[in-house]
């Protein structure tokens, strides 16, 4: 299975729309989690939870994301078609 960001052009719109849909669902659910946390624990705890989530996402992209620096999109598409790793 290709890694995010290395989808062939034909699948890229499907991947983008799926990610966007998950983002909208998560944005809709966040107030139900974060507002009670703010009410019970205060603004500092809320800030730390949000900052922690951002750090997790940043590490996920940095460690698990494909290495694309200095590579052309066409070479990434070729790697996915052949099944070669992109690192």
Protein backbone atom coordinates (compact mmCIF):
# COMPACT_ATOMS: atom_id res chain seq x y z
CA UNK A 1 0.00 0.00 0.00
CA UNK A 2 1.42 3.40 -0.91
CA UNK A 3 2.27 5.84 1.80
CA UNK A 4 0.37 9.13 2.10
CA UNK A 5 1.84 11.65 -0.28
CA UNK A 6 3.03 9.01 -2.74
CA UNK A 7 -0.31 8.17 -4.31
CA UNK A 8 -0.43 7.87 -8.06
CA UNK A 9 -2.16 10.82 -9.66
CA UNK A 10 -5.30 8.79 -10.35
CA UNK A 11 -5.82 8.07 -6.62
CA UNK A 12 -4.73 11.41 -5.21
CA UNK A 13 -8.19 13.04 -5.22
CA UNK A 14 -9.74 10.06 -3.43
CA UNK A 15 -7.02 10.14 -0.78
CA UNK A 16 -7.38 13.90 -0.33
CA UNK A 17 -11.15 13.74 0.03
CA UNK A 18 -10.94 10.88 2.53
CA UNK A 19 -8.44 12.79 4.64
CA UNK A 20 -10.57 15.92 4.45
CA UNK A 21 -13.66 13.97 5.58
CA UNK A 22 -11.83 12.52 8.58
CA UNK A 23 -10.59 15.99 9.45
CA UNK A 24 -14.13 17.38 9.40
CA UNK A 25 -15.41 14.52 11.60
CA UNK A 26 -12.60 15.07 14.10
CA UNK A 27 -13.27 18.82 14.13
CA UNK A 28 -16.91 18.12 14.90
CA UNK A 29 -16.05 15.77 17.78
CA UNK A 30 -13.36 17.95 19.37
CA UNK A 31 -15.68 20.34 21.23
CA UNK A 32 -17.31 17.39 22.99
CA UNK A 33 -13.90 16.37 24.36
CA UNK A 34 -12.09 19.69 24.75
CA UNK A 35 -14.83 21.84 26.32
CA UNK A 36 -15.36 19.47 29.29
CA UNK A 37 -11.58 19.25 29.67
CA UNK A 38 -11.37 23.05 29.75
CA UNK A 39 -14.19 23.21 32.28
CA UNK A 40 -12.73 20.58 34.61
CA UNK A 41 -8.97 21.13 34.29
CA UNK A 42 -8.41 24.65 33.02
CA UNK A 43 -6.79 26.35 30.09
CA UNK A 44 -3.24 25.16 30.80
CA UNK A 45 -4.24 21.49 30.60
CA UNK A 46 -6.23 22.13 27.44
CA UNK A 47 -3.24 23.86 25.86
CA UNK A 48 -0.94 20.98 26.82
CA UNK A 49 -3.32 18.39 25.33
CA UNK A 50 -3.59 20.29 22.03
CA UNK A 51 0.19 20.91 21.93
CA UNK A 52 0.80 17.21 22.61
CA UNK A 53 -1.50 16.22 19.76
CA UNK A 54 0.37 18.58 17.42
CA UNK A 55 3.71 17.06 18.46
CA UNK A 56 2.37 13.55 17.78
CA UNK A 57 1.26 14.57 14.28
CA UNK A 58 4.58 16.30 13.57
CA UNK A 59 6.53 13.20 14.67
CA UNK A 60 4.26 10.96 12.63
CA UNK A 61 4.91 12.94 9.47
CA UNK A 62 8.65 13.31 10.16
CA UNK A 63 9.29 9.66 11.02
CA UNK A 64 6.78 7.77 8.89
CA UNK A 65 6.33 10.08 5.94
CA UNK A 66 8.03 9.44 2.63
CA UNK A 67 11.34 11.09 1.85
CA UNK A 68 10.52 13.44 -1.02
CA UNK A 69 13.19 16.14 -0.73
CA UNK A 70 14.81 16.72 -4.08
CA UNK A 71 12.65 14.11 -5.85
CA UNK A 72 10.27 14.72 -8.72
CA UNK A 73 6.62 13.67 -8.42
CA UNK A 74 7.01 11.42 -11.44
CA UNK A 75 9.72 9.39 -9.68
CA UNK A 76 7.44 8.90 -6.68
CA UNK A 77 4.65 7.67 -8.94
CA UNK A 78 7.07 5.25 -10.63
CA UNK A 79 8.16 3.86 -7.24
CA UNK A 80 4.55 3.19 -6.25
CA UNK A 81 3.76 1.46 -9.56
CA UNK A 82 6.76 -0.85 -9.26
CA UNK A 83 6.22 -1.40 -5.53
CA UNK A 84 9.61 -0.07 -4.47
CA UNK A 85 9.99 1.69 -1.12
CA UNK A 86 10.19 5.48 -1.30
CA UNK A 87 12.91 5.94 1.31
